Amino acid sequence: MEPHVTGSDQVRRFIFEDRPVRGHWVHLEQSWRELRAHAEYPAPVSELLGEAVAASLLLAATLKFRGTLTFQLQGNGAVPLLVAQCTHDFRLRAVARFEEEPVRRAAEFALGPARFRGLVGTEGRITVTIEAEEGGARYQGVVPLSGDSLAESLEAYFAASEQLPTTVVLAADAERVAGLLVQRLPGSAQAEDAEIDAAWAEAARDMQRIDPATILATEAEATLLQGFPTQVLRLFRGAPVRFECRCSVDRVSGVLKALGAGEVRDVLREQGAVTVTCEFCHRPYRFDAIDIEALFADTPSESPQSLH
C-alpha cells in the first residue's frame, strides 16, 4: 500500500488485485467541523447530513467529470430537504432543512430503519445532478428513496443509474464523517463469469461485516485490512477534501436579476435594503438602493411610457 496524504480529510481509491472490483474510502474531520460551524442541527439531522456528504464524495470519486455534483434528498419526513454538493476536486458544502418536533420524535428511535424513515419519510427521492464546467452539459439521475438507510438508497441509485452492483457503508457523528464503497466492474475477457461472481460475492459479504463505527475510528489501511482480510488490495494516494462555499456577489446578483427589477425594488422599498443570506455558509449579501440601481441599470423598464 502506498503512503497516504497527510491529513484526515481525504478520498482514497483502492482496487482488488486481479479482480474486477474497485472501491473508495472517505474520511472527514476538519472540513466536517467547518461545514457544521455555519448551522446548528439536532444530532439525528447532523448525522444524516454527514452521511449525505460522504455519499456525494463517493459518487464524485467514481465519476469522470469537471464541475459540480449535487446530491439531493427530498422526502415527506422530518427532513424534507437535504443537499450536499462537491466539485470534481472535492470542495464541498451542504445544508439541511428540518422540522424540530418531527425530528425529536424520530430521535426517540434507536439508530436503524425506524429512525431513518422518521427523518426522510415514507416517500421521497434522491436526485443526483452533475453540471459540467465547460459546455454547460447537465446530467440528472432520479431514483426513489428505498431501503432502510441512506447507504441502501445510494446502492439503489447505482443499480438504476450506473447498472453497477455496489455496496456502501456510511457513518457520521459530531466530529467525523466516513464512507466506504465497493463496486463490481465489468470483468476481463480472460475471467470466467463464475469466477467474477464469486469474487464479487466475497467482497459484498466482507462489506456486510464492516461496522460503521469502525470506518469512523480507523484510517484507510486499518479499515481495509480489517474489512477484507483475505483480499489482496492496492490502495492509492489520497485526494484532499475541504469545505468551501462558492457563494459570491456575482452569484447573488444573478439570483436578484432572475427575480426581476420589479420584485427586487418592492423589497427595497419595504426594507430599505435587499439582504440575501447564503443557505450553505450563512454569509449575508446586502444591496442598498445604489447597488440595486446599478444592478438593473441596463435592464429595460418593465412599464415603458409612450412619448408623444
Protein backbone atom coordinates (compact mmCIF):
# COMPACT_ATOMS: atom_id res chain seq x y z
CA MET A 1 0.00 0.00 0.00
CA GLU A 2 1.24 3.48 -0.87
CA PRO A 3 1.77 6.11 1.85
CA HIS A 4 -1.26 8.32 2.30
CA VAL A 5 -1.69 12.06 2.13
CA THR A 6 -1.08 13.81 5.44
CA GLY A 7 -4.33 14.99 6.99
CA SER A 8 -7.61 13.44 7.99
CA ASP A 9 -9.78 14.86 5.20
CA GLN A 10 -9.34 12.81 2.06
CA VAL A 11 -10.75 10.41 -0.51
CA ARG A 12 -8.73 7.32 -1.40
CA ARG A 13 -9.23 4.79 -4.18
CA PHE A 14 -8.38 1.10 -3.93
CA ILE A 15 -8.67 -1.93 -6.18
CA PHE A 16 -8.81 -5.68 -5.65
CA GLU A 17 -5.77 -7.13 -7.40
CA ASP A 18 -6.64 -9.31 -10.42
CA ARG A 19 -10.35 -8.95 -9.76
CA PRO A 20 -12.94 -6.61 -11.36
CA VAL A 21 -13.72 -4.87 -8.06
CA ARG A 22 -12.84 -1.33 -7.03
CA GLY A 23 -13.57 0.83 -4.04
CA HIS A 24 -13.32 4.28 -2.47
CA TRP A 25 -12.81 5.35 1.14
CA VAL A 26 -13.57 8.81 2.51
CA HIS A 27 -12.88 10.32 5.91
CA LEU A 28 -13.51 13.89 7.12
CA GLU A 29 -12.79 15.77 10.32
CA GLN A 30 -11.73 19.40 9.85
CA SER A 31 -13.91 20.06 6.80
CA TRP A 32 -16.91 18.49 8.57
CA ARG A 33 -16.43 20.74 11.58
CA GLU A 34 -16.10 23.80 9.33
CA LEU A 35 -19.29 22.87 7.48
CA ARG A 36 -21.25 22.39 10.70
CA ALA A 37 -19.98 25.67 12.16
CA HIS A 38 -22.39 27.59 9.93
CA ALA A 39 -25.60 25.99 11.23
CA GLU A 40 -26.92 24.19 14.29
CA TYR A 41 -28.53 20.82 13.61
CA PRO A 42 -30.01 18.29 16.03
CA ALA A 43 -27.81 15.19 16.23
CA PRO A 44 -30.03 12.96 14.02
CA VAL A 45 -30.13 15.63 11.29
CA SER A 46 -26.39 16.24 11.56
CA GLU A 47 -25.67 12.53 11.22
CA LEU A 48 -27.92 12.20 8.17
CA LEU A 49 -26.31 15.27 6.60
CA GLY A 50 -22.87 13.81 7.26
CA GLU A 51 -23.86 10.58 5.53
CA ALA A 52 -25.09 12.60 2.55
CA VAL A 53 -21.77 14.46 2.42
CA ALA A 54 -19.93 11.13 2.34
CA ALA A 55 -22.32 9.88 -0.34
CA SER A 56 -21.68 12.91 -2.55
CA LEU A 57 -17.91 12.46 -2.25
CA LEU A 58 -18.08 8.74 -3.03
CA LEU A 59 -20.28 9.45 -6.05
CA ALA A 60 -17.88 12.11 -7.32
CA ALA A 61 -14.93 9.77 -6.82
CA THR A 62 -16.49 7.12 -9.08
CA LEU A 63 -17.20 9.52 -11.95
CA LYS A 64 -15.07 11.35 -14.50
CA PHE A 65 -16.24 14.95 -14.75
CA ARG A 66 -15.13 18.54 -14.23
CA GLY A 67 -17.75 20.60 -12.49
CA THR A 68 -20.19 20.22 -9.61
CA LEU A 69 -22.12 17.22 -8.32
CA THR A 70 -25.24 17.81 -6.25
CA PHE A 71 -26.73 15.04 -4.12
CA GLN A 72 -30.27 16.00 -3.10
CA LEU A 73 -32.67 14.12 -0.87
CA GLN A 74 -36.35 15.10 -0.75
CA GLY A 75 -38.89 13.34 1.41
CA ASN A 76 -42.05 13.74 3.44
CA GLY A 77 -40.44 13.21 6.84
CA ALA A 78 -38.79 15.39 9.46
CA VAL A 79 -36.04 16.36 6.99
CA PRO A 80 -37.91 17.35 3.83
CA LEU A 81 -34.79 18.58 2.02
CA LEU A 82 -31.10 17.84 2.25
CA VAL A 83 -28.46 18.96 -0.24
CA ALA A 84 -24.76 18.04 -0.41
CA GLN A 85 -22.55 19.46 -3.15
CA CYS A 86 -18.99 18.72 -4.12
CA THR A 87 -16.76 19.52 -7.06
CA HIS A 88 -14.58 17.16 -9.09
CA ASP A 89 -11.65 18.18 -6.84
CA PHE A 90 -13.65 17.55 -3.64
CA ARG A 91 -14.58 21.02 -2.43
CA LEU A 92 -17.80 20.51 -0.51
CA ARG A 93 -20.72 22.25 1.13
CA ALA A 94 -24.10 21.02 2.41
CA VAL A 95 -27.33 22.14 4.04
CA ALA A 96 -30.45 20.51 5.52
CA ARG A 97 -33.95 21.74 6.29
CA PHE A 98 -35.79 20.11 9.14
CA GLU A 99 -38.84 20.36 11.39
CA GLU A 100 -37.96 20.31 15.08
CA GLU A 101 -40.85 18.36 16.58
CA PRO A 102 -40.81 15.52 13.99
CA VAL A 103 -37.01 15.31 14.41
CA ARG A 104 -37.46 14.97 18.18
CA ARG A 105 -39.92 12.11 17.65
CA ALA A 106 -37.58 10.39 15.18
CA ALA A 107 -34.71 10.69 17.67
CA GLU A 108 -36.65 8.54 20.14
CA PHE A 109 -35.97 5.54 17.90
CA ALA A 110 -32.62 3.78 18.12
CA LEU A 111 -30.32 4.00 15.11
CA GLY A 112 -31.82 1.93 12.34
CA PRO A 113 -34.72 1.74 9.88
CA ALA A 114 -37.32 3.39 12.14
CA ARG A 115 -35.18 6.47 12.76
CA PHE A 116 -34.17 6.72 9.10
CA ARG A 117 -37.78 6.59 7.92
CA GLY A 118 -38.83 9.04 10.60
CA LEU A 119 -36.29 11.51 9.22
CA VAL A 120 -36.81 11.04 5.47
CA GLY A 121 -40.42 9.85 5.44
CA THR A 122 -42.24 7.08 3.65
CA GLU A 123 -41.99 8.67 0.22
CA GLY A 124 -39.24 10.64 -1.41
CA ARG A 125 -36.45 10.61 -3.94
CA ILE A 126 -32.74 11.06 -4.43
CA THR A 127 -31.62 13.33 -7.24
CA VAL A 128 -28.02 13.44 -8.44
CA THR A 129 -27.16 16.34 -10.73
CA ILE A 130 -23.83 16.86 -12.49
CA GLU A 131 -23.11 20.25 -14.04
CA ALA A 132 -20.01 20.46 -16.23
CA GLU A 133 -17.74 23.49 -16.12
CA GLU A 134 -17.36 23.63 -19.90
CA GLY A 135 -20.13 23.50 -22.43
CA GLY A 136 -22.94 23.73 -19.88
CA ALA A 137 -23.66 19.99 -20.05
CA ARG A 138 -26.02 18.79 -17.34
CA TYR A 139 -26.84 15.23 -16.29
CA GLN A 140 -29.51 14.29 -13.78
CA GLY A 141 -30.50 10.95 -12.31
CA VAL A 142 -33.52 10.42 -10.05
CA VAL A 143 -34.41 7.33 -8.00
CA PRO A 144 -37.00 6.75 -5.27
CA LEU A 145 -35.84 6.60 -1.68
CA SER A 146 -35.55 2.89 -0.97
CA GLY A 147 -34.33 0.62 1.74
CA ASP A 148 -33.79 1.32 5.40
CA SER A 149 -30.77 3.63 5.24
CA LEU A 150 -29.15 6.27 3.10
CA ALA A 151 -26.49 3.72 2.15
CA GLU A 152 -29.15 1.38 0.75
CA SER A 153 -30.70 4.26 -1.18
CA LEU A 154 -27.29 5.05 -2.69
CA GLU A 155 -26.85 1.42 -3.67
CA ALA A 156 -30.23 1.57 -5.43
CA TYR A 157 -29.07 4.69 -7.29
CA PHE A 158 -26.00 2.90 -8.62
CA ALA A 159 -28.08 -0.12 -9.63
CA ALA A 160 -30.58 2.04 -11.53
CA SER A 161 -28.31 4.72 -13.00
CA GLU A 162 -24.93 3.03 -13.45
CA GLN A 163 -26.01 -0.63 -13.67
CA LEU A 164 -23.08 -1.50 -11.41
CA PRO A 165 -23.58 -3.70 -8.32
CA THR A 166 -22.40 -1.57 -5.40
CA THR A 167 -22.28 -1.87 -1.63
CA VAL A 168 -21.90 1.16 0.65
CA VAL A 169 -21.24 1.88 4.32
CA LEU A 170 -21.83 5.44 5.60
CA ALA A 171 -21.27 6.89 9.06
CA ALA A 172 -21.21 10.29 10.78
CA ASP A 173 -21.09 11.75 14.25
CA ALA A 174 -20.41 15.19 15.71
CA GLU A 175 -16.69 15.05 14.89
CA ARG A 176 -16.23 12.83 11.85
CA VAL A 177 -17.72 11.60 8.61
CA ALA A 178 -16.72 8.40 6.84
CA GLY A 179 -17.80 6.29 3.90
CA LEU A 180 -16.74 3.12 2.14
CA LEU A 181 -17.88 1.98 -1.29
CA VAL A 182 -17.10 -1.24 -3.16
CA GLN A 183 -18.22 -1.71 -6.73
CA ARG A 184 -18.20 -4.55 -9.22
CA LEU A 185 -16.80 -3.65 -12.63
CA PRO A 186 -17.27 -5.46 -15.95
CA GLY A 187 -14.95 -8.48 -15.93
CA SER A 188 -12.00 -9.06 -18.21
CA ALA A 189 -12.19 -11.31 -21.24
CA GLN A 190 -9.87 -13.82 -19.52
CA ALA A 191 -12.06 -14.26 -16.45
CA GLU A 192 -14.89 -16.75 -16.26
CA ASP A 193 -18.31 -15.46 -15.20
CA ALA A 194 -18.40 -17.85 -12.25
CA GLU A 195 -15.01 -16.59 -11.06
CA ILE A 196 -16.17 -12.95 -11.31
CA ASP A 197 -19.41 -13.75 -9.48
CA ALA A 198 -17.51 -15.48 -6.69
CA ALA A 199 -15.07 -12.58 -6.30
CA TRP A 200 -17.88 -10.07 -6.07
CA ALA A 201 -19.92 -12.21 -3.67
CA GLU A 202 -16.93 -12.45 -1.33
CA ALA A 203 -16.31 -8.68 -1.43
CA ALA A 204 -20.00 -7.98 -0.76
CA ARG A 205 -20.02 -10.38 2.21
CA ASP A 206 -16.97 -8.66 3.65
CA MET A 207 -18.72 -5.28 3.33
CA GLN A 208 -21.72 -6.57 5.29
CA ARG A 209 -19.46 -7.33 8.24
CA ILE A 210 -17.99 -3.81 8.41
CA ASP A 211 -19.34 -1.78 11.30
CA PRO A 212 -19.98 1.93 10.55
CA ALA A 213 -18.29 2.82 13.84
CA THR A 214 -15.14 1.13 12.56
CA ILE A 215 -14.77 3.33 9.49
CA LEU A 216 -15.27 6.42 11.66
CA ALA A 217 -12.48 5.45 14.04
CA THR A 218 -9.83 3.94 11.72
CA GLU A 219 -7.60 5.04 8.86
CA ALA A 220 -7.96 3.58 5.39
CA GLU A 221 -5.24 0.95 5.79
CA ALA A 222 -6.69 -0.42 9.03
CA THR A 223 -10.25 -0.33 7.71
CA LEU A 224 -9.36 -2.33 4.60
CA LEU A 225 -7.15 -4.83 6.42
CA GLN A 226 -9.90 -5.50 8.96
CA GLY A 227 -12.70 -5.49 6.41
CA PHE A 228 -11.09 -7.61 3.68
CA PRO A 229 -8.61 -9.89 5.47
CA THR A 230 -8.33 -12.44 2.65
CA GLN A 231 -8.09 -9.96 -0.25
CA VAL A 232 -5.01 -8.51 -1.91
CA LEU A 233 -5.68 -4.79 -2.28
CA ARG A 234 -3.85 -1.85 -3.81
CA LEU A 235 -4.54 1.45 -2.03
CA PHE A 236 -3.74 4.66 -3.87
CA ARG A 237 -2.67 8.06 -2.63
CA GLY A 238 -5.42 10.24 -1.22
CA ALA A 239 -7.01 13.37 -2.66
CA PRO A 240 -7.65 16.16 -0.14
CA VAL A 241 -11.18 17.27 0.75
CA ARG A 242 -12.05 20.74 2.02
CA PHE A 243 -15.09 22.77 2.92
CA GLU A 244 -15.65 25.68 0.56
CA CYS A 245 -18.78 27.69 -0.09
CA ARG A 246 -18.82 29.05 -3.62
CA CYS A 247 -21.26 31.87 -3.00
CA SER A 248 -20.21 35.31 -4.28
CA VAL A 249 -21.56 38.77 -5.06
CA ASP A 250 -21.80 37.83 -8.73
CA ARG A 251 -23.83 34.68 -7.99
CA VAL A 252 -26.21 36.55 -5.69
CA SER A 253 -26.54 39.35 -8.24
CA GLY A 254 -27.56 36.74 -10.79
CA VAL A 255 -30.27 35.48 -8.45
CA LEU A 256 -31.64 39.01 -7.97
CA LYS A 257 -31.64 39.65 -11.71
CA ALA A 258 -33.59 36.43 -12.20
CA LEU A 259 -36.22 37.67 -9.72
CA GLY A 260 -36.70 40.82 -11.81
CA ALA A 261 -36.37 44.53 -11.17
CA GLY A 262 -39.97 44.99 -10.03
CA GLU A 263 -39.88 42.38 -7.26
CA VAL A 264 -36.43 43.42 -6.03
CA ARG A 265 -37.38 47.11 -5.92
CA ASP A 266 -40.53 46.23 -3.96
CA VAL A 267 -38.33 44.60 -1.30
CA LEU A 268 -36.04 47.62 -1.34
CA ARG A 269 -38.96 49.99 -0.70
CA GLU A 270 -40.27 47.84 2.15
CA GLN A 271 -36.98 47.13 3.92
CA GLY A 272 -34.60 49.87 2.83
CA ALA A 273 -32.12 47.31 1.52
CA VAL A 274 -32.11 43.83 -0.01
CA THR A 275 -30.24 41.21 2.00
CA VAL A 276 -29.63 37.71 0.68
CA THR A 277 -28.14 35.12 3.05
CA CYS A 278 -26.34 32.09 1.65
CA GLU A 279 -28.04 28.90 2.81
CA PHE A 280 -24.77 27.00 2.95
CA CYS A 281 -22.47 29.34 4.89
CA HIS A 282 -24.97 31.97 6.18
CA ARG A 283 -22.93 34.82 4.76
CA PRO A 284 -25.18 37.88 4.22
CA TYR A 285 -25.03 39.91 1.00
CA ARG A 286 -26.53 43.39 1.39
CA PHE A 287 -27.61 45.56 -1.54
CA ASP A 288 -28.64 49.17 -0.90
CA ALA A 289 -30.54 51.45 -3.28
CA ILE A 290 -27.42 52.43 -5.21
CA ASP A 291 -26.40 48.77 -5.61
CA ILE A 292 -29.86 47.82 -6.90
CA GLU A 293 -29.97 50.67 -9.42
CA ALA A 294 -26.52 49.70 -10.68
CA LEU A 295 -27.62 46.08 -10.92
CA PHE A 296 -30.61 46.90 -13.12
CA ALA A 297 -29.07 49.86 -14.94
CA ASP A 298 -29.07 48.02 -18.26
CA THR A 299 -32.47 46.42 -17.73
CA PRO A 300 -35.29 47.91 -19.84
CA SER A 301 -38.16 49.39 -17.87
CA GLU A 302 -40.95 46.91 -17.28
CA SER A 303 -43.60 49.55 -17.99
CA PRO A 304 -42.28 51.81 -20.77
CA GLN A 305 -44.13 55.09 -21.32
CA SER A 306 -45.18 56.28 -24.76
CA LEU A 307 -43.82 59.66 -25.86
CA HIS A 308 -45.98 61.98 -27.97
